[in-house]
Amino acid sequence: MIPIVILDVHSRITAKVHRLGVKKKFDKALKLFSNNPFHPSLNTELLAPKTMGIWSFRVDRKVRVLFFFRNDRKAVELLNVTIHYR
């Protein structure tokens, strides 16, 4: 599988990752994600409504990253980091 290009991570996302205390986990998940966005441990899923094309992957049990695919799934743009069960 060809690695996915992750477009520049916005400073807002980086700040939130630090604030949530998941920097190491985020970096590990991002590395897995760039090699295989559907790696089983990431629990990647298409969110409802599916027509919006917004996906998420897991950083840990509580924290998820929202993203969408660009350029025929060759690149992704990270949208936000969220607490999953709120």
Protein backbone atom coordinates (compact mmCIF):
# COMPACT_ATOMS: atom_id res chain seq x y z
CA MET A 1 0.00 0.00 0.00
CA ILE A 2 1.27 3.49 -0.89
CA PRO A 3 1.61 5.74 2.18
CA ILE A 4 -1.05 8.43 2.59
CA VAL A 5 0.07 12.05 2.53
CA ILE A 6 -1.11 13.91 5.62
CA LEU A 7 -1.54 17.58 4.80
CA ASP A 8 -0.10 20.09 7.28
CA VAL A 9 -1.40 19.51 10.79
CA HIS A 10 -2.96 22.77 11.97
CA SER A 11 -1.51 24.30 15.13
CA ARG A 12 -5.00 24.14 16.71
CA ILE A 13 -4.89 20.34 16.44
CA THR A 14 -1.35 20.16 17.82
CA ALA A 15 -2.33 22.37 20.77
CA LYS A 16 -5.36 20.21 21.53
CA VAL A 17 -3.27 17.02 21.40
CA HIS A 18 -0.89 18.53 23.97
CA ARG A 19 -3.76 19.77 26.13
CA LEU A 20 -5.32 16.28 26.17
CA GLY A 21 -1.94 14.72 27.05
CA VAL A 22 -1.90 12.25 24.15
CA LYS A 23 1.09 13.48 22.12
CA LYS A 24 2.94 10.12 22.10
CA LYS A 25 -0.24 8.20 21.27
CA PHE A 26 -1.16 10.73 18.57
CA ASP A 27 2.26 10.43 16.92
CA LYS A 28 2.06 6.63 16.99
CA ALA A 29 -1.48 6.61 15.56
CA LEU A 30 -0.50 9.10 12.85
CA LYS A 31 2.43 6.91 11.81
CA LEU A 32 0.17 3.84 11.62
CA PHE A 33 -2.43 5.88 9.77
CA SER A 34 -0.01 7.18 7.14
CA ASN A 35 1.07 3.61 6.35
CA ASN A 36 -2.43 2.13 6.43
CA PRO A 37 -5.46 4.33 7.20
CA PHE A 38 -7.51 1.21 7.88
CA HIS A 39 -5.10 -0.48 10.30
CA PRO A 40 -7.29 -2.52 12.70
CA SER A 41 -6.08 -0.77 15.86
CA LEU A 42 -7.17 2.63 14.50
CA ASN A 43 -10.86 1.65 14.23
CA THR A 44 -11.24 3.97 11.23
CA GLU A 45 -14.88 4.68 10.45
CA LEU A 46 -17.03 6.83 8.18
CA LEU A 47 -19.22 9.06 10.32
CA ALA A 48 -22.89 9.83 9.80
CA PRO A 49 -24.18 11.43 7.69
CA LYS A 50 -22.01 9.43 5.32
CA THR A 51 -22.59 11.86 2.45
CA MET A 52 -20.37 14.43 4.26
CA GLY A 53 -17.33 12.16 3.84
CA ILE A 54 -15.96 12.79 7.33
CA TRP A 55 -14.01 9.91 8.84
CA SER A 56 -12.40 9.29 12.22
CA PHE A 57 -9.63 7.15 13.63
CA ARG A 58 -8.79 6.28 17.22
CA VAL A 59 -5.83 7.68 19.15
CA ASP A 60 -6.89 5.93 22.36
CA ARG A 61 -10.15 4.80 23.95
CA LYS A 62 -11.39 8.37 24.39
CA VAL A 63 -9.64 10.48 21.75
CA ARG A 64 -10.44 10.40 18.04
CA VAL A 65 -9.17 12.36 15.05
CA LEU A 66 -11.65 13.61 12.45
CA PHE A 67 -10.43 13.81 8.86
CA PHE A 68 -11.43 13.60 5.23
CA PHE A 69 -9.75 12.13 2.18
CA ARG A 70 -8.54 14.34 -0.66
CA ASN A 71 -7.12 13.60 -4.11
CA ASP A 72 -8.65 10.16 -4.61
CA ARG A 73 -7.58 8.96 -1.14
CA LYS A 74 -3.92 9.82 -1.71
CA ALA A 75 -3.99 12.60 0.90
CA VAL A 76 -5.94 13.44 4.03
CA GLU A 77 -6.70 16.63 5.89
CA LEU A 78 -7.06 16.42 9.66
CA LEU A 79 -10.05 18.42 10.85
CA ASN A 80 -10.14 18.07 14.62
CA VAL A 81 -9.25 16.00 17.66
CA THR A 82 -12.26 15.09 19.80
CA ILE A 83 -13.23 13.29 22.98
CA HIS A 84 -15.24 10.34 21.67
CA TYR A 85 -17.93 9.65 24.26
CA ARG A 86 -19.26 13.09 25.15
